[in-house]
């Protein structure tokens, strides 16, 4: 199984591409006020695990974090994650606040609430809130660094979802939206564990176990539904089944796609391979579109036609920006001395 990982690496690009499509579509639906429709809520319920996939993927490809000094490790993670986080956040804020005076002049107040507490309670920027993910990712990598220093300490991460649940039950008052990093750390180590499993069992055994996990996910989803929203550290339904189901489907889907030797699907793999560009750039575009229309007295809320316009436009613009953004290290995280830095910061197998 281990010798076949290289040719089957398209599996993770496909899953990553699906995750980005889901995320961008969700934001477009939310901006246009279409995210409460029954059919869309069902889509979200059955795909809630996709944001957790990025942490799972990073753990799957991670071979350890103990090499080098702490300072070198901090510098490397900062260049890959913190610098793009800050720069894309600043760009989003510039787009967002450039409409402040035109909108307050027309409506006599700003069209969205602004709070000073956002500075220390949220890691997302006004104008680019989804980049909370990069800050949480950086934090998880720092946690993993020190967990790996103590032998067997990683097994305690099986309890980490309970800490995130406790943060949720107490009002999510953890600064910088970091209540989610504990369950994210669990998914990171889950990915590492699943790679160990796939290297030690036969292709047939992994395939069988993976299909059983997918089937169990469907059964539990129908009988004991529970979901987890990582961006808000929000549990709905049965919280423990949300964790169990995410575990089942992440391992199950990864195992199924890897053992099936899926070919490259151009569109999904392209988005997955360049996920950072789509991730950091789509939200400022949405605000530019929304605020431009509001400046002329037109709201896009409740407009299906704007959904149909934004879906192809946003994806095409992001795809067009790929070669330009990836040349800019402080946005893409692709520095000259590093091979890659995707949104999940997970190196592809050599």
Protein backbone atom coordinates (compact mmCIF):
# COMPACT_ATOMS: atom_id res chain seq x y z
CA UNK A 1 0.00 0.00 0.00
CA UNK A 2 2.82 2.41 0.88
CA UNK A 3 4.43 2.06 -2.57
CA UNK A 4 1.16 3.10 -4.21
CA UNK A 5 0.65 6.37 -2.35
CA UNK A 6 2.36 8.49 -4.98
CA UNK A 7 0.18 7.51 -7.92
CA UNK A 8 -2.92 7.80 -5.77
CA UNK A 9 -2.22 11.26 -4.41
CA UNK A 10 -5.00 12.67 -6.62
CA UNK A 11 -7.45 11.49 -3.96
CA UNK A 12 -6.55 14.31 -1.63
CA UNK A 13 -6.56 16.92 -4.39
CA UNK A 14 -10.08 15.80 -5.30
CA UNK A 15 -11.30 16.03 -1.70
CA UNK A 16 -9.57 19.37 -1.28
CA UNK A 17 -11.19 20.67 -4.45
CA UNK A 18 -14.63 19.55 -3.28
CA UNK A 19 -14.04 21.26 0.06
CA UNK A 20 -13.12 24.57 -1.59
CA UNK A 21 -16.15 24.39 -3.91
CA UNK A 22 -18.39 23.73 -0.92
CA UNK A 23 -16.88 26.60 1.07
CA UNK A 24 -17.06 29.19 -1.71
CA UNK A 25 -20.59 28.13 -2.63
CA UNK A 26 -21.65 28.37 1.02
CA UNK A 27 -20.34 31.93 1.23
CA UNK A 28 -22.06 32.92 -2.00
CA UNK A 29 -25.33 31.43 -0.76
CA UNK A 30 -24.95 33.28 2.55
CA UNK A 31 -24.21 36.63 0.90
CA UNK A 32 -27.29 36.21 -1.28
CA UNK A 33 -29.53 35.04 1.58
CA UNK A 34 -30.11 31.58 0.09
CA UNK A 35 -28.40 29.54 2.82
CA UNK A 36 -31.57 28.71 4.81
CA UNK A 37 -33.32 26.73 2.10
CA UNK A 38 -34.12 23.15 3.08
CA UNK A 39 -32.17 21.52 0.27
CA UNK A 40 -29.09 23.57 1.06
CA UNK A 41 -29.30 22.81 4.78
CA UNK A 42 -29.31 19.13 3.85
CA UNK A 43 -26.18 19.62 1.75
CA UNK A 44 -24.48 21.32 4.68
CA UNK A 45 -25.57 18.64 7.12
CA UNK A 46 -24.09 15.83 5.06
CA UNK A 47 -20.87 17.68 4.20
CA UNK A 48 -20.10 19.31 7.57
CA UNK A 49 -16.82 17.43 7.88
CA UNK A 50 -15.05 19.00 4.91
CA UNK A 51 -13.34 21.82 6.83
CA UNK A 52 -11.93 19.23 9.22
CA UNK A 53 -10.47 17.47 6.19
CA UNK A 54 -7.69 20.06 5.85
CA UNK A 55 -6.36 19.20 9.29
CA UNK A 56 -6.76 15.48 8.58
CA UNK A 57 -4.84 15.90 5.32
CA UNK A 58 -2.04 17.82 7.00
CA UNK A 59 -1.66 15.11 9.62
CA UNK A 60 -1.75 12.39 6.97
CA UNK A 61 1.23 13.84 5.12
CA UNK A 62 3.08 15.07 8.19
CA UNK A 63 6.15 13.00 9.07
CA UNK A 64 6.93 14.73 12.34
CA UNK A 65 7.55 18.21 13.68
CA UNK A 66 10.48 17.68 16.05
CA UNK A 67 13.33 18.37 13.61
CA UNK A 68 15.26 21.63 13.92
CA UNK A 69 15.13 24.27 16.61
CA UNK A 70 11.95 25.76 17.98
CA UNK A 71 12.89 29.12 16.49
CA UNK A 72 13.42 27.67 13.01
CA UNK A 73 10.12 25.85 13.23
CA UNK A 74 8.32 29.01 14.35
CA UNK A 75 9.89 30.96 11.52
CA UNK A 76 8.91 28.34 8.94
CA UNK A 77 5.28 28.09 10.09
CA UNK A 78 5.01 31.86 10.31
CA UNK A 79 6.20 32.29 6.73
CA UNK A 80 3.84 29.61 5.45
CA UNK A 81 0.74 30.54 7.44
CA UNK A 82 0.94 33.72 9.54
CA UNK A 83 2.31 35.99 6.82
CA UNK A 84 -0.40 35.01 4.27
CA UNK A 85 -2.95 35.27 7.08
CA UNK A 86 -1.99 38.85 7.91
CA UNK A 87 -1.51 40.03 4.33
CA UNK A 88 -4.75 38.56 2.97
CA UNK A 89 -6.56 39.87 6.04
CA UNK A 90 -5.25 43.39 5.44
CA UNK A 91 -6.28 43.25 1.78
CA UNK A 92 -9.76 42.11 2.80
CA UNK A 93 -10.01 44.91 5.36
CA UNK A 94 -8.96 47.49 2.75
CA UNK A 95 -11.71 46.30 0.39
CA UNK A 96 -14.22 46.24 3.24
CA UNK A 97 -13.53 49.67 4.73
CA UNK A 98 -13.07 51.41 1.38
CA UNK A 99 -16.87 51.31 1.19
CA UNK A 100 -17.37 52.72 4.69
CA UNK A 101 -17.99 56.36 3.73
CA UNK A 102 -20.00 55.71 0.54
CA UNK A 103 -22.34 53.37 2.43
CA UNK A 104 -22.67 55.51 5.57
CA UNK A 105 -23.37 58.51 3.36
CA UNK A 106 -26.15 56.70 1.55
CA UNK A 107 -27.70 54.82 4.51
CA UNK A 108 -26.67 57.16 7.36
CA UNK A 109 -24.92 54.25 9.08
CA UNK A 110 -22.70 51.39 8.08
CA UNK A 111 -24.62 48.41 6.75
CA UNK A 112 -22.92 45.86 9.01
CA UNK A 113 -22.22 45.98 12.77
CA UNK A 114 -18.67 46.86 13.77
CA UNK A 115 -17.34 45.86 17.18
CA UNK A 116 -13.98 46.54 18.83
CA UNK A 117 -14.15 43.12 20.50
CA UNK A 118 -13.73 41.62 17.03
CA UNK A 119 -10.02 42.51 17.29
CA UNK A 120 -9.29 40.13 20.17
CA UNK A 121 -12.20 37.67 20.00
CA UNK A 122 -12.13 36.80 16.28
CA UNK A 123 -9.15 35.71 14.20
CA UNK A 124 -10.94 36.56 10.96
CA UNK A 125 -10.57 40.06 9.52
CA UNK A 126 -13.43 42.31 8.51
CA UNK A 127 -13.61 41.72 4.78
CA UNK A 128 -11.93 38.30 4.90
CA UNK A 129 -13.29 36.38 7.88
CA UNK A 130 -12.60 32.84 6.51
CA UNK A 131 -8.89 33.29 7.13
CA UNK A 132 -9.51 32.36 10.76
CA UNK A 133 -8.51 28.99 9.37
CA UNK A 134 -4.89 30.01 8.75
CA UNK A 135 -4.47 31.32 12.28
CA UNK A 136 -6.02 28.18 13.76
CA UNK A 137 -3.81 26.08 11.51
CA UNK A 138 -0.71 27.89 12.73
CA UNK A 139 -1.80 27.33 16.33
CA UNK A 140 -2.39 23.63 15.71
CA UNK A 141 1.07 23.22 14.22
CA UNK A 142 2.60 24.85 17.29
CA UNK A 143 0.58 22.56 19.56
CA UNK A 144 1.66 19.50 17.59
CA UNK A 145 5.29 20.61 17.83
CA UNK A 146 5.26 20.37 21.61
CA UNK A 147 2.95 17.37 21.85
CA UNK A 148 5.39 15.42 19.68
CA UNK A 149 8.20 16.16 22.13
CA UNK A 150 6.58 13.93 24.77
CA UNK A 151 6.33 10.25 23.88
CA UNK A 152 2.76 8.92 23.73
CA UNK A 153 1.29 12.32 24.60
CA UNK A 154 -0.34 12.37 21.17
CA UNK A 155 -2.81 9.72 22.36
CA UNK A 156 -4.34 12.27 24.72
CA UNK A 157 -5.60 14.20 21.71
CA UNK A 158 -8.48 11.70 21.54
CA UNK A 159 -9.91 13.78 24.41
CA UNK A 160 -9.38 17.13 22.69
CA UNK A 161 -12.84 17.27 21.06
CA UNK A 162 -14.25 17.41 24.59
CA UNK A 163 -12.26 20.61 25.21
CA UNK A 164 -13.70 22.25 22.09
CA UNK A 165 -17.15 21.12 23.18
CA UNK A 166 -16.58 22.65 26.61
CA UNK A 167 -15.56 25.93 24.95
CA UNK A 168 -18.79 25.80 22.92
CA UNK A 169 -20.95 25.10 25.98
CA UNK A 170 -19.38 27.99 27.90
CA UNK A 171 -20.10 30.52 25.15
CA UNK A 172 -17.03 30.25 22.92
CA UNK A 173 -15.22 32.96 24.84
CA UNK A 174 -11.77 31.73 23.82
CA UNK A 175 -9.87 34.69 22.28
CA UNK A 176 -9.13 34.75 18.55
CA UNK A 177 -11.70 32.04 17.78
CA UNK A 178 -9.30 29.38 19.07
CA UNK A 179 -11.91 27.13 20.66
CA UNK A 180 -11.68 24.97 17.53
CA UNK A 181 -7.95 24.22 17.69
CA UNK A 182 -8.38 21.33 20.11
CA UNK A 183 -10.70 19.32 17.90
CA UNK A 184 -8.57 20.39 14.92
CA UNK A 185 -5.56 18.88 16.67
CA UNK A 186 -7.54 15.65 17.07
CA UNK A 187 -8.20 15.55 13.31
CA UNK A 188 -4.51 16.22 12.62
CA UNK A 189 -3.45 13.18 14.61
CA UNK A 190 -6.31 11.17 13.12
CA UNK A 191 -4.81 11.79 9.68
CA UNK A 192 -1.41 10.68 10.91
CA UNK A 193 -2.92 7.54 12.44
CA UNK A 194 -4.83 6.73 9.25
CA UNK A 195 -1.63 6.91 7.20
CA UNK A 196 -0.07 4.42 9.65
CA UNK A 197 -3.06 2.13 9.15
CA UNK A 198 -2.85 2.33 5.36
CA UNK A 199 0.84 1.51 5.38
CA UNK A 200 0.41 -1.61 7.50
CA UNK A 201 -2.68 -3.25 6.04
CA UNK A 202 -3.38 -4.61 2.60
CA UNK A 203 -5.21 -2.70 -0.07
CA UNK A 204 -8.18 -5.05 0.20
CA UNK A 205 -8.41 -4.73 3.98
CA UNK A 206 -8.26 -0.93 3.84
CA UNK A 207 -10.86 -0.80 1.07
CA UNK A 208 -13.27 -3.01 3.00
CA UNK A 209 -12.83 -1.05 6.23
CA UNK A 210 -13.23 2.25 4.36
CA UNK A 211 -16.51 1.26 2.72
CA UNK A 212 -17.82 0.07 6.08
CA UNK A 213 -16.92 3.45 7.59
CA UNK A 214 -18.76 5.30 4.82
CA UNK A 215 -21.81 3.08 5.37
CA UNK A 216 -21.65 3.66 9.14
CA UNK A 217 -21.48 7.42 8.50
CA UNK A 218 -24.72 7.26 6.50
CA UNK A 219 -26.51 5.11 9.08
CA UNK A 220 -25.47 7.31 12.02
CA UNK A 221 -26.29 10.44 10.03
CA UNK A 222 -29.84 9.16 9.56
CA UNK A 223 -30.38 7.85 13.10
CA UNK A 224 -28.25 10.04 15.39
CA UNK A 225 -27.48 13.17 13.38
CA UNK A 226 -24.89 15.59 14.68
CA UNK A 227 -22.77 18.21 12.95
CA UNK A 228 -19.83 20.43 13.77
CA UNK A 229 -19.16 23.89 12.34
CA UNK A 230 -15.45 24.49 12.77
CA UNK A 231 -15.46 28.18 11.88
CA UNK A 232 -17.80 28.95 14.79
CA UNK A 233 -16.88 25.96 16.97
CA UNK A 234 -20.58 25.12 16.89
CA UNK A 235 -22.03 21.69 17.68
CA UNK A 236 -25.58 20.86 16.59
CA UNK A 237 -27.61 17.73 17.16
CA UNK A 238 -25.72 14.97 18.94
CA UNK A 239 -22.24 16.45 19.62
CA UNK A 240 -20.48 13.15 20.21
CA UNK A 241 -21.93 11.60 17.08
CA UNK A 242 -20.68 14.63 15.17
CA UNK A 243 -17.12 13.71 16.19
CA UNK A 244 -17.67 9.99 15.54
CA UNK A 245 -19.24 10.65 12.15
CA UNK A 246 -16.50 13.06 11.08
CA UNK A 247 -13.92 10.44 12.08
CA UNK A 248 -15.69 7.74 10.09
CA UNK A 249 -16.18 9.73 6.91
CA UNK A 250 -12.71 11.32 6.85
CA UNK A 251 -11.00 7.96 7.15
CA UNK A 252 -13.59 6.25 4.97
CA UNK A 253 -13.49 8.70 2.07
CA UNK A 254 -9.70 8.93 2.13
CA UNK A 255 -9.41 5.16 2.19
CA UNK A 256 -11.94 4.59 -0.58
CA UNK A 257 -10.39 7.13 -2.96
CA UNK A 258 -6.83 6.00 -2.26
CA UNK A 259 -7.59 2.31 -2.74
CA UNK A 260 -9.66 2.91 -5.88
CA UNK A 261 -6.69 4.58 -7.57
CA UNK A 262 -8.87 7.43 -8.83
CA UNK A 263 -7.56 9.29 -11.89
CA UNK A 264 -6.94 13.00 -11.95
CA UNK A 265 -10.17 14.98 -12.32
CA UNK A 266 -8.90 18.21 -13.91
CA UNK A 267 -11.30 20.78 -12.43
CA UNK A 268 -11.37 19.37 -8.89
CA UNK A 269 -7.64 18.70 -8.82
CA UNK A 270 -6.79 22.15 -10.17
CA UNK A 271 -8.83 23.79 -7.40
CA UNK A 272 -7.36 21.41 -4.82
CA UNK A 273 -3.78 21.98 -5.96
CA UNK A 274 -4.21 25.76 -5.79
CA UNK A 275 -6.58 25.87 -2.84
CA UNK A 276 -4.75 28.71 -1.08
CA UNK A 277 -5.54 31.13 -3.90
CA UNK A 278 -9.25 30.32 -3.88
CA UNK A 279 -9.28 30.39 -0.10
CA UNK A 280 -7.75 33.82 0.50
CA UNK A 281 -9.20 35.69 -2.48
CA UNK A 282 -12.87 34.77 -2.86
CA UNK A 283 -14.27 36.58 0.20
CA UNK A 284 -12.98 40.10 -0.61
CA UNK A 285 -14.47 39.62 -4.08
CA UNK A 286 -17.85 38.84 -2.56
CA UNK A 287 -17.73 41.95 -0.39
CA UNK A 288 -16.70 44.08 -3.35
CA UNK A 289 -19.69 42.78 -5.30
CA UNK A 290 -22.11 43.19 -2.39
CA UNK A 291 -20.98 46.66 -1.34
CA UNK A 292 -20.80 47.95 -4.91
CA UNK A 293 -24.45 47.01 -5.41
CA UNK A 294 -25.43 48.52 -2.05
CA UNK A 295 -23.66 51.75 -3.01
CA UNK A 296 -26.14 52.03 -5.88
CA UNK A 297 -29.11 51.14 -3.69
CA UNK A 298 -29.46 47.52 -4.74
CA UNK A 299 -29.26 44.60 -2.30
CA UNK A 300 -28.18 41.14 -3.43
CA UNK A 301 -29.89 39.53 -0.44
CA UNK A 302 -32.59 37.10 -1.52
CA UNK A 303 -31.50 37.24 -5.15
CA UNK A 304 -31.10 33.89 -6.89
CA UNK A 305 -29.85 35.60 -10.03
CA UNK A 306 -26.85 36.95 -8.15
CA UNK A 307 -26.01 33.43 -6.98
CA UNK A 308 -25.99 32.30 -10.61
CA UNK A 309 -23.75 35.24 -11.55
CA UNK A 310 -21.33 34.91 -8.65
CA UNK A 311 -20.71 31.18 -8.89
CA UNK A 312 -18.95 31.20 -12.28
CA UNK A 313 -17.45 34.68 -11.84
CA UNK A 314 -15.79 34.00 -8.48
CA UNK A 315 -14.36 30.65 -9.53
CA UNK A 316 -13.11 32.02 -12.85
CA UNK A 317 -11.51 35.05 -11.22
CA UNK A 318 -9.79 32.91 -8.60
CA UNK A 319 -8.52 30.54 -11.29
CA UNK A 320 -7.21 33.50 -13.29
CA UNK A 321 -5.41 34.82 -10.22
CA UNK A 322 -3.61 31.54 -9.50
CA UNK A 323 -0.32 32.26 -11.35
CA UNK A 324 -0.19 35.83 -10.06
CA UNK A 325 -0.86 35.15 -6.38
CA UNK A 326 1.41 32.11 -6.30
CA UNK A 327 4.31 34.32 -7.39
CA UNK A 328 3.82 36.45 -4.28
CA UNK A 329 5.27 34.58 -1.27
CA UNK A 330 3.61 36.76 1.37
CA UNK A 331 0.20 35.82 -0.05
CA UNK A 332 0.66 32.24 -1.23
CA UNK A 333 3.08 30.99 1.42
CA UNK A 334 5.25 29.68 -1.43
CA UNK A 335 8.72 30.91 -0.53
CA UNK A 336 11.73 30.21 -2.78
CA UNK A 337 13.25 27.73 -0.31
CA UNK A 338 10.01 25.75 0.13
CA UNK A 339 8.37 23.29 -2.24
CA UNK A 340 4.76 24.12 -1.51
CA UNK A 341 2.31 25.70 0.89
CA UNK A 342 -1.29 24.83 0.14
CA UNK A 343 -4.16 25.96 2.31
CA UNK A 344 -3.62 22.80 4.32
CA UNK A 345 0.16 23.24 4.20
CA UNK A 346 0.49 19.53 3.50
CA UNK A 347 3.45 18.50 1.32
CA UNK A 348 2.64 16.10 -1.48
CA UNK A 349 4.50 12.79 -1.50
CA UNK A 350 7.81 12.88 -3.34
